[in-house]
Amino acid sequence: MTRIYLGRHIYGMAAIAFGIITFAWHDFNTWQQIRALGQVPHREILVYLAAAIEIFGGVAIQWSRTARVGAFALGSIYFIFALLWVPHIVMEPLVFDRWGNFFEQFSLVSGALIAYGLLSRNDSESAPRAARIGYIFFGICVVSFTTEQLLYLSGTASFVPKWIPPGQMFWAITTTIAFALAAIALLSGRSALLASRLVTAMLIGFGLLVWLPAPFGDPHKMFNWVGNAQNLAITGAAWIVTDFLSQERSTSPVLETLSQHTQGD
């Protein structure tokens, strides 16, 4: 039986959601991807162009024949979104929120890079290398997720539904530790597949428990809809990492190689 890898499909669905939200909403001040544009003249045109690229890439990545084009399109637009945060980092280098926003977008770039590498492996000798680079980039992004939650622990706790025992701060600390352990596993190559699966499961949990109910509480708040799309996109990227490790586990010693490079062997 042929195994179905769902990562790129989830990732693409999130991109389509981003595009639809952009076209349906006209508030360009509350979405982090859009806020990074600043007060650029006629930025609405740029925003709608970006949304069109996201929808195109999200649809294209669903089909084998066009998946590479879709991955390239999405990776390119998310890379631009990430770069837009660089001036904010330069202006406020000690405010980690700026770094966190950059790495959230860069985690999506990593997912696209891995997907492109996997889809191109039979056509290019550099494709496996691109996928491995994307994998390492994602591991670095998980370090950022850990740091951001740690620095803004109270804010993280506020997102946890109050009805979940034993308490909001417990889960804020627990998920922060989980991210930290996952980052170590991914970058060292030890238990990396298990770590990627658990990170994906945790992000799915965030979506179901935190973000999915949010629009029902306040459907007129754009942040609630965009939060769902952003979490789904990062979930898709983490799922792509899992798909990558699952495929590589039986075809090449990628985990051992990553471990050796990390240890300097």
C-alpha atoms as a PDB file:
ATOM      1  CA  MET A   1       0.000   0.000   0.000  1.00  0.00           C
ATOM      2  CA  THR A   2       1.356   3.402  -0.978  1.00  0.00           C
ATOM      3  CA  ARG A   3       1.769   5.661   2.005  1.00  0.00           C
ATOM      4  CA  ILE A   4       0.068   9.052   1.767  1.00  0.00           C
ATOM      5  CA  TYR A   5       2.049  12.034   3.040  1.00  0.00           C
ATOM      6  CA  LEU A   6      -0.322  14.802   4.110  1.00  0.00           C
ATOM      7  CA  GLY A   7       2.112  17.543   5.129  1.00  0.00           C
ATOM      8  CA  ARG A   8       2.139  19.534   1.915  1.00  0.00           C
ATOM      9  CA  HIS A   9      -1.641  19.269   1.597  1.00  0.00           C
ATOM     10  CA  ILE A  10      -2.214  20.749   5.074  1.00  0.00           C
ATOM     11  CA  TYR A  11       0.411  23.384   4.340  1.00  0.00           C
ATOM     12  CA  GLY A  12      -1.335  24.288   1.090  1.00  0.00           C
ATOM     13  CA  MET A  13      -4.755  24.468   2.737  1.00  0.00           C
ATOM     14  CA  ALA A  14      -3.386  27.022   5.197  1.00  0.00           C
ATOM     15  CA  ALA A  15      -2.044  29.144   2.326  1.00  0.00           C
ATOM     16  CA  ILE A  16      -5.461  29.095   0.651  1.00  0.00           C
ATOM     17  CA  ALA A  17      -7.019  30.145   3.966  1.00  0.00           C
ATOM     18  CA  PHE A  18      -4.562  33.048   4.230  1.00  0.00           C
ATOM     19  CA  GLY A  19      -5.516  34.227   0.754  1.00  0.00           C
ATOM     20  CA  ILE A  20      -9.244  33.954   1.314  1.00  0.00           C
ATOM     21  CA  ILE A  21      -9.038  35.825   4.624  1.00  0.00           C
ATOM     22  CA  THR A  22      -7.096  38.611   2.928  1.00  0.00           C
ATOM     23  CA  PHE A  23      -9.632  39.035   0.135  1.00  0.00           C
ATOM     24  CA  ALA A  24     -12.574  38.779   2.539  1.00  0.00           C
ATOM     25  CA  TRP A  25     -11.167  41.212   5.109  1.00  0.00           C
ATOM     26  CA  HIS A  26     -10.223  44.838   4.618  1.00  0.00           C
ATOM     27  CA  ASP A  27      -8.427  45.510   7.886  1.00  0.00           C
ATOM     28  CA  PHE A  28      -4.725  45.618   7.058  1.00  0.00           C
ATOM     29  CA  ASN A  29      -3.531  46.548  10.540  1.00  0.00           C
ATOM     30  CA  THR A  30      -3.986  43.425  12.665  1.00  0.00           C
ATOM     31  CA  TRP A  31      -2.338  40.649  10.627  1.00  0.00           C
ATOM     32  CA  GLN A  32       1.373  40.326  11.331  1.00  0.00           C
ATOM     33  CA  GLN A  33       2.265  39.464   7.744  1.00  0.00           C
ATOM     34  CA  ILE A  34       0.546  42.639   6.589  1.00  0.00           C
ATOM     35  CA  ARG A  35       1.656  44.894   9.438  1.00  0.00           C
ATOM     36  CA  ALA A  36       5.268  44.238   8.470  1.00  0.00           C
ATOM     37  CA  LEU A  37       4.664  46.189   5.261  1.00  0.00           C
ATOM     38  CA  GLY A  38       4.404  49.363   7.301  1.00  0.00           C
ATOM     39  CA  GLN A  39       2.857  52.405   5.665  1.00  0.00           C
ATOM     40  CA  VAL A  40       3.838  51.587   2.097  1.00  0.00           C
ATOM     41  CA  PRO A  41       1.791  53.639  -0.415  1.00  0.00           C
ATOM     42  CA  HIS A  42      -0.998  51.601  -2.027  1.00  0.00           C
ATOM     43  CA  ARG A  43      -0.016  48.588   0.038  1.00  0.00           C
ATOM     44  CA  GLU A  44      -3.463  47.105  -0.580  1.00  0.00           C
ATOM     45  CA  ILE A  45      -2.288  46.190  -4.066  1.00  0.00           C
ATOM     46  CA  LEU A  46       0.734  44.372  -2.665  1.00  0.00           C
ATOM     47  CA  VAL A  47      -1.417  42.616  -0.076  1.00  0.00           C
ATOM     48  CA  TYR A  48      -3.898  41.368  -2.676  1.00  0.00           C
ATOM     49  CA  LEU A  49      -1.034  40.253  -4.928  1.00  0.00           C
ATOM     50  CA  ALA A  50       0.457  38.292  -2.017  1.00  0.00           C
ATOM     51  CA  ALA A  51      -2.949  36.749  -1.303  1.00  0.00           C
ATOM     52  CA  ALA A  52      -3.306  35.692  -4.932  1.00  0.00           C
ATOM     53  CA  ILE A  53       0.126  34.035  -4.804  1.00  0.00           C
ATOM     54  CA  GLU A  54      -0.828  32.209  -1.598  1.00  0.00           C
ATOM     55  CA  ILE A  55      -4.036  30.874  -3.120  1.00  0.00           C
ATOM     56  CA  PHE A  56      -2.231  29.889  -6.322  1.00  0.00           C
ATOM     57  CA  GLY A  57       0.584  28.184  -4.397  1.00  0.00           C
ATOM     58  CA  GLY A  58      -1.828  26.523  -1.988  1.00  0.00           C
ATOM     59  CA  VAL A  59      -3.818  25.018  -4.853  1.00  0.00           C
ATOM     60  CA  ALA A  60      -0.770  24.098  -6.941  1.00  0.00           C
ATOM     61  CA  ILE A  61       0.983  22.236  -4.131  1.00  0.00           C
ATOM     62  CA  GLN A  62      -1.976  19.837  -3.832  1.00  0.00           C
ATOM     63  CA  TRP A  63      -1.272  18.187  -7.197  1.00  0.00           C
ATOM     64  CA  SER A  64       1.857  16.196  -8.037  1.00  0.00           C
ATOM     65  CA  ARG A  65       2.372  17.820 -11.426  1.00  0.00           C
ATOM     66  CA  THR A  66       2.283  21.360 -10.058  1.00  0.00           C
ATOM     67  CA  ALA A  67       3.455  20.763  -6.480  1.00  0.00           C
ATOM     68  CA  ARG A  68       6.989  22.041  -7.064  1.00  0.00           C
ATOM     69  CA  VAL A  69       5.682  25.265  -8.557  1.00  0.00           C
ATOM     70  CA  GLY A  70       3.353  25.634  -5.583  1.00  0.00           C
ATOM     71  CA  ALA A  71       6.144  25.008  -3.077  1.00  0.00           C
ATOM     72  CA  PHE A  72       8.375  27.543  -4.843  1.00  0.00           C
ATOM     73  CA  ALA A  73       5.605  30.165  -4.907  1.00  0.00           C
ATOM     74  CA  LEU A  74       4.747  29.721  -1.239  1.00  0.00           C
ATOM     75  CA  GLY A  75       8.372  29.593  -0.144  1.00  0.00           C
ATOM     76  CA  SER A  76       9.068  32.811  -2.031  1.00  0.00           C
ATOM     77  CA  ILE A  77       6.143  34.783  -0.593  1.00  0.00           C
ATOM     78  CA  TYR A  78       6.789  33.573   2.968  1.00  0.00           C
ATOM     79  CA  PHE A  79      10.471  34.464   2.559  1.00  0.00           C
ATOM     80  CA  ILE A  80       9.417  37.999   1.620  1.00  0.00           C
ATOM     81  CA  PHE A  81       7.138  38.117   4.655  1.00  0.00           C
ATOM     82  CA  ALA A  82      10.085  37.019   6.821  1.00  0.00           C
ATOM     83  CA  LEU A  83      12.417  39.636   5.326  1.00  0.00           C
ATOM     84  CA  LEU A  84       9.868  42.358   6.046  1.00  0.00           C
ATOM     85  CA  TRP A  85      10.520  41.781   9.744  1.00  0.00           C
ATOM     86  CA  VAL A  86      14.266  42.368   9.438  1.00  0.00           C
ATOM     87  CA  PRO A  87      14.012  46.199   9.637  1.00  0.00           C
ATOM     88  CA  HIS A  88      11.922  45.813  12.806  1.00  0.00           C
ATOM     89  CA  ILE A  89      14.612  43.537  14.265  1.00  0.00           C
ATOM     90  CA  VAL A  90      17.292  46.101  13.398  1.00  0.00           C
ATOM     91  CA  MET A  91      15.301  48.901  15.066  1.00  0.00           C
ATOM     92  CA  GLU A  92      14.449  46.857  18.172  1.00  0.00           C
ATOM     93  CA  PRO A  93      16.972  44.007  18.413  1.00  0.00           C
ATOM     94  CA  LEU A  94      16.280  43.405  22.109  1.00  0.00           C
ATOM     95  CA  VAL A  95      12.545  42.887  21.602  1.00  0.00           C
ATOM     96  CA  PHE A  96      12.243  39.175  20.938  1.00  0.00           C
ATOM     97  CA  ASP A  97       8.732  39.524  19.544  1.00  0.00           C
ATOM     98  CA  ARG A  98      10.337  40.885  16.363  1.00  0.00           C
ATOM     99  CA  TRP A  99      12.594  37.829  16.110  1.00  0.00           C
ATOM    100  CA  GLY A 100       9.652  35.564  16.895  1.00  0.00           C
ATOM    101  CA  ASN A 101       7.600  37.011  14.046  1.00  0.00           C
ATOM    102  CA  PHE A 102      10.543  36.520  11.687  1.00  0.00           C
ATOM    103  CA  PHE A 103      11.013  32.879  12.657  1.00  0.00           C
ATOM    104  CA  GLU A 104       7.289  32.127  12.453  1.00  0.00           C
ATOM    105  CA  GLN A 105       7.401  33.169   8.808  1.00  0.00           C
ATOM    106  CA  PHE A 106      10.742  31.443   8.280  1.00  0.00           C
ATOM    107  CA  SER A 107       9.327  28.163   9.577  1.00  0.00           C
ATOM    108  CA  LEU A 108       6.930  28.331   6.623  1.00  0.00           C
ATOM    109  CA  VAL A 109       9.863  28.968   4.288  1.00  0.00           C
ATOM    110  CA  SER A 110      11.511  25.869   5.753  1.00  0.00           C
ATOM    111  CA  GLY A 111       8.411  23.781   5.039  1.00  0.00           C
ATOM    112  CA  ALA A 112       8.348  24.954   1.427  1.00  0.00           C
ATOM    113  CA  LEU A 113      12.067  24.250   1.011  1.00  0.00           C
ATOM    114  CA  ILE A 114      11.706  20.712   2.333  1.00  0.00           C
ATOM    115  CA  ALA A 115       8.626  20.064   0.186  1.00  0.00           C
ATOM    116  CA  TYR A 116      10.392  21.386  -2.918  1.00  0.00           C
ATOM    117  CA  GLY A 117      13.404  19.199  -2.201  1.00  0.00           C
ATOM    118  CA  LEU A 118      11.296  16.078  -1.709  1.00  0.00           C
ATOM    119  CA  LEU A 119       9.288  16.730  -4.852  1.00  0.00           C
ATOM    120  CA  SER A 120      12.423  17.387  -6.924  1.00  0.00           C
ATOM    121  CA  ARG A 121      14.648  14.601  -5.650  1.00  0.00           C
ATOM    122  CA  ASN A 122      14.521  12.640  -8.929  1.00  0.00           C
ATOM    123  CA  ASP A 123      15.331  15.681 -11.065  1.00  0.00           C
ATOM    124  CA  SER A 124      18.161  17.374  -9.222  1.00  0.00           C
ATOM    125  CA  GLU A 125      21.198  16.294  -7.257  1.00  0.00           C
ATOM    126  CA  SER A 126      20.864  19.379  -5.065  1.00  0.00           C
ATOM    127  CA  ALA A 127      17.261  18.627  -4.091  1.00  0.00           C
ATOM    128  CA  PRO A 128      18.073  16.363  -1.109  1.00  0.00           C
ATOM    129  CA  ARG A 129      20.473  19.015   0.138  1.00  0.00           C
ATOM    130  CA  ALA A 130      17.762  21.668  -0.106  1.00  0.00           C
ATOM    131  CA  ALA A 131      15.421  19.470   1.920  1.00  0.00           C
ATOM    132  CA  ARG A 132      18.054  18.909   4.607  1.00  0.00           C
ATOM    133  CA  ILE A 133      18.800  22.633   4.806  1.00  0.00           C
ATOM    134  CA  GLY A 134      15.088  23.319   5.191  1.00  0.00           C
ATOM    135  CA  TYR A 135      14.969  20.701   7.935  1.00  0.00           C
ATOM    136  CA  ILE A 136      17.788  22.363   9.875  1.00  0.00           C
ATOM    137  CA  PHE A 137      16.153  25.767   9.416  1.00  0.00           C
ATOM    138  CA  PHE A 138      12.933  24.383  10.894  1.00  0.00           C
ATOM    139  CA  GLY A 139      14.849  23.078  13.903  1.00  0.00           C
ATOM    140  CA  ILE A 140      16.227  26.584  14.465  1.00  0.00           C
ATOM    141  CA  CYS A 141      12.687  27.955  14.239  1.00  0.00           C
ATOM    142  CA  VAL A 142      11.609  25.551  16.978  1.00  0.00           C
ATOM    143  CA  VAL A 143      14.361  27.087  19.132  1.00  0.00           C
ATOM    144  CA  SER A 144      12.678  30.441  18.507  1.00  0.00           C
ATOM    145  CA  PHE A 145       9.260  29.027  19.450  1.00  0.00           C
ATOM    146  CA  THR A 146      10.783  27.824  22.720  1.00  0.00           C
ATOM    147  CA  THR A 147      12.432  31.150  23.462  1.00  0.00           C
ATOM    148  CA  GLU A 148       9.337  33.180  22.646  1.00  0.00           C
ATOM    149  CA  GLN A 149       7.118  31.096  24.905  1.00  0.00           C
ATOM    150  CA  LEU A 150       9.695  31.278  27.688  1.00  0.00           C
ATOM    151  CA  LEU A 151      10.065  35.058  27.471  1.00  0.00           C
ATOM    152  CA  TYR A 152       6.323  35.648  27.208  1.00  0.00           C
ATOM    153  CA  LEU A 153       5.198  32.853  29.526  1.00  0.00           C
ATOM    154  CA  SER A 154       2.266  34.775  30.995  1.00  0.00           C
ATOM    155  CA  GLY A 155       1.014  35.639  27.528  1.00  0.00           C
ATOM    156  CA  THR A 156       1.386  32.018  26.471  1.00  0.00           C
ATOM    157  CA  ALA A 157      -0.586  30.893  29.506  1.00  0.00           C
ATOM    158  CA  SER A 158      -3.401  33.317  28.653  1.00  0.00           C
ATOM    159  CA  PHE A 159      -4.073  31.402  25.445  1.00  0.00           C
ATOM    160  CA  VAL A 160      -4.664  28.129  27.294  1.00  0.00           C
ATOM    161  CA  PRO A 161      -8.388  27.502  27.900  1.00  0.00           C
ATOM    162  CA  LYS A 162      -9.119  27.907  31.601  1.00  0.00           C
ATOM    163  CA  TRP A 163     -11.179  24.720  31.729  1.00  0.00           C
ATOM    164  CA  ILE A 164      -8.191  22.469  30.975  1.00  0.00           C
ATOM    165  CA  PRO A 165      -6.710  21.060  34.226  1.00  0.00           C
ATOM    166  CA  PRO A 166      -4.450  21.482  36.077  1.00  0.00           C
ATOM    167  CA  GLY A 167      -4.035  25.123  35.014  1.00  0.00           C
ATOM    168  CA  GLN A 168      -2.959  27.590  32.336  1.00  0.00           C
ATOM    169  CA  MET A 169       0.606  28.146  33.589  1.00  0.00           C
ATOM    170  CA  PHE A 170       1.185  24.387  33.861  1.00  0.00           C
ATOM    171  CA  TRP A 171       0.488  23.938  30.172  1.00  0.00           C
ATOM    172  CA  ALA A 172       2.468  27.025  29.204  1.00  0.00           C
ATOM    173  CA  ILE A 173       5.527  25.603  30.968  1.00  0.00           C
ATOM    174  CA  THR A 174       4.911  22.062  29.695  1.00  0.00           C
ATOM    175  CA  THR A 175       4.624  23.086  26.038  1.00  0.00           C
ATOM    176  CA  THR A 176       7.694  25.300  26.355  1.00  0.00           C
ATOM    177  CA  ILE A 177       9.708  22.349  27.667  1.00  0.00           C
ATOM    178  CA  ALA A 178       8.262  20.189  24.882  1.00  0.00           C
ATOM    179  CA  PHE A 179       9.416  22.693  22.253  1.00  0.00           C
ATOM    180  CA  ALA A 180      12.880  22.806  23.849  1.00  0.00           C
ATOM    181  CA  LEU A 181      13.244  19.021  23.829  1.00  0.00           C
ATOM    182  CA  ALA A 182      11.981  18.891  20.241  1.00  0.00           C
ATOM    183  CA  ALA A 183      14.540  21.490  19.149  1.00  0.00           C
ATOM    184  CA  ILE A 184      17.348  19.455  20.712  1.00  0.00           C
ATOM    185  CA  ALA A 185      16.108  16.260  19.055  1.00  0.00           C
ATOM    186  CA  LEU A 186      15.657  17.837  15.628  1.00  0.00           C
ATOM    187  CA  LEU A 187      19.029  19.585  15.558  1.00  0.00           C
ATOM    188  CA  SER A 188      20.936  16.640  17.025  1.00  0.00           C
ATOM    189  CA  GLY A 189      19.182  14.087  14.833  1.00  0.00           C
ATOM    190  CA  ARG A 190      18.430  11.848  17.811  1.00  0.00           C
ATOM    191  CA  SER A 191      14.774  10.754  18.079  1.00  0.00           C
ATOM    192  CA  ALA A 192      14.072  13.430  15.476  1.00  0.00           C
ATOM    193  CA  LEU A 193      11.175  11.577  13.847  1.00  0.00           C
ATOM    194  CA  LEU A 194       9.448  11.086  17.183  1.00  0.00           C
ATOM    195  CA  ALA A 195      10.060  14.734  18.058  1.00  0.00           C
ATOM    196  CA  SER A 196       8.602  15.963  14.763  1.00  0.00           C
ATOM    197  CA  ARG A 197       5.522  13.799  15.253  1.00  0.00           C
ATOM    198  CA  LEU A 198       5.009  15.097  18.773  1.00  0.00           C
ATOM    199  CA  VAL A 199       5.492  18.729  17.691  1.00  0.00           C
ATOM    200  CA  THR A 200       2.951  18.203  14.917  1.00  0.00           C
ATOM    201  CA  ALA A 201       0.512  16.642  17.394  1.00  0.00           C
ATOM    202  CA  MET A 202       1.044  19.516  19.829  1.00  0.00           C
ATOM    203  CA  LEU A 203       0.387  22.104  17.117  1.00  0.00           C
ATOM    204  CA  ILE A 204      -2.784  20.234  16.136  1.00  0.00           C
ATOM    205  CA  GLY A 205      -3.779  20.436  19.795  1.00  0.00           C
ATOM    206  CA  PHE A 206      -3.172  24.207  19.742  1.00  0.00           C
ATOM    207  CA  GLY A 207      -5.427  24.438  16.714  1.00  0.00           C
ATOM    208  CA  LEU A 208      -8.269  22.378  18.160  1.00  0.00           C
ATOM    209  CA  LEU A 209      -8.213  23.763  21.696  1.00  0.00           C
ATOM    210  CA  VAL A 210      -7.060  27.368  21.240  1.00  0.00           C
ATOM    211  CA  TRP A 211      -7.592  28.638  17.711  1.00  0.00           C
ATOM    212  CA  LEU A 212     -10.580  26.729  16.353  1.00  0.00           C
ATOM    213  CA  PRO A 213     -12.967  27.981  19.087  1.00  0.00           C
ATOM    214  CA  ALA A 214     -11.703  31.588  18.803  1.00  0.00           C
ATOM    215  CA  PRO A 215     -13.840  32.712  15.818  1.00  0.00           C
ATOM    216  CA  PHE A 216     -16.941  31.360  17.527  1.00  0.00           C
ATOM    217  CA  GLY A 217     -16.215  33.637  20.478  1.00  0.00           C
ATOM    218  CA  ASP A 218     -15.628  36.718  18.310  1.00  0.00           C
ATOM    219  CA  PRO A 219     -16.193  36.140  14.580  1.00  0.00           C
ATOM    220  CA  HIS A 220     -15.600  39.821  13.792  1.00  0.00           C
ATOM    221  CA  LYS A 221     -12.008  39.786  15.024  1.00  0.00           C
ATOM    222  CA  MET A 222      -9.594  39.151  12.181  1.00  0.00           C
ATOM    223  CA  PHE A 223      -6.868  37.942  14.565  1.00  0.00           C
ATOM    224  CA  ASN A 224      -8.976  34.901  15.460  1.00  0.00           C
ATOM    225  CA  TRP A 225      -9.241  33.800  11.825  1.00  0.00           C
ATOM    226  CA  VAL A 226      -5.632  34.555  10.956  1.00  0.00           C
ATOM    227  CA  GLY A 227      -4.449  32.736  14.086  1.00  0.00           C
ATOM    228  CA  ASN A 228      -6.137  29.602  12.776  1.00  0.00           C
ATOM    229  CA  ALA A 229      -4.462  29.955   9.380  1.00  0.00           C
ATOM    230  CA  GLN A 230      -1.047  30.673  10.896  1.00  0.00           C
ATOM    231  CA  ASN A 231      -1.227  27.719  13.288  1.00  0.00           C
ATOM    232  CA  LEU A 232      -2.397  25.454  10.460  1.00  0.00           C
ATOM    233  CA  ALA A 233       0.468  26.633   8.252  1.00  0.00           C
ATOM    234  CA  ILE A 234       3.091  25.927  10.922  1.00  0.00           C
ATOM    235  CA  THR A 235       1.394  22.582  11.591  1.00  0.00           C
ATOM    236  CA  GLY A 236       1.693  21.837   7.879  1.00  0.00           C
ATOM    237  CA  ALA A 237       5.389  22.729   7.940  1.00  0.00           C
ATOM    238  CA  ALA A 238       5.973  20.464  10.959  1.00  0.00           C
ATOM    239  CA  TRP A 239       4.040  17.701   9.188  1.00  0.00           C
ATOM    240  CA  ILE A 240       6.272  18.155   6.130  1.00  0.00           C
ATOM    241  CA  VAL A 241       9.283  17.664   8.420  1.00  0.00           C
ATOM    242  CA  THR A 242       7.706  14.431   9.677  1.00  0.00           C
ATOM    243  CA  ASP A 243       7.069  13.273   6.111  1.00  0.00           C
ATOM    244  CA  PHE A 244      10.665  14.092   5.206  1.00  0.00           C
ATOM    245  CA  LEU A 245      12.093  12.118   8.116  1.00  0.00           C
ATOM    246  CA  SER A 246       9.727   9.210   7.466  1.00  0.00           C
ATOM    247  CA  GLN A 247      10.872   8.942   3.857  1.00  0.00           C
ATOM    248  CA  GLU A 248      14.549   9.475   4.592  1.00  0.00           C
ATOM    249  CA  ARG A 249      14.591   6.968   7.430  1.00  0.00           C
ATOM    250  CA  SER A 250      14.356   4.042   5.027  1.00  0.00           C
ATOM    251  CA  THR A 251      16.371   5.469   2.137  1.00  0.00           C
ATOM    252  CA  SER A 252      19.354   7.338   3.602  1.00  0.00           C
ATOM    253  CA  PRO A 253      21.218   7.859   6.877  1.00  0.00           C
ATOM    254  CA  VAL A 254      20.035  11.457   7.191  1.00  0.00           C
ATOM    255  CA  LEU A 255      19.531  11.298  10.958  1.00  0.00           C
ATOM    256  CA  GLU A 256      22.966   9.830  11.523  1.00  0.00           C
ATOM    257  CA  THR A 257      24.493  12.421   9.198  1.00  0.00           C
ATOM    258  CA  LEU A 258      22.778  15.287  11.009  1.00  0.00           C
ATOM    259  CA  SER A 259      23.906  13.894  14.342  1.00  0.00           C
ATOM    260  CA  GLN A 260      27.496  13.585  13.152  1.00  0.00           C
ATOM    261  CA  HIS A 261      27.542  17.128  11.791  1.00  0.00           C
ATOM    262  CA  THR A 262      26.088  18.446  15.050  1.00  0.00           C
ATOM    263  CA  GLN A 263      28.714  16.646  17.095  1.00  0.00           C
ATOM    264  CA  GLY A 264      31.492  17.772  14.746  1.00  0.00           C
ATOM    265  CA  ASP A 265      32.505  14.248  13.639  1.00  0.00           C
END
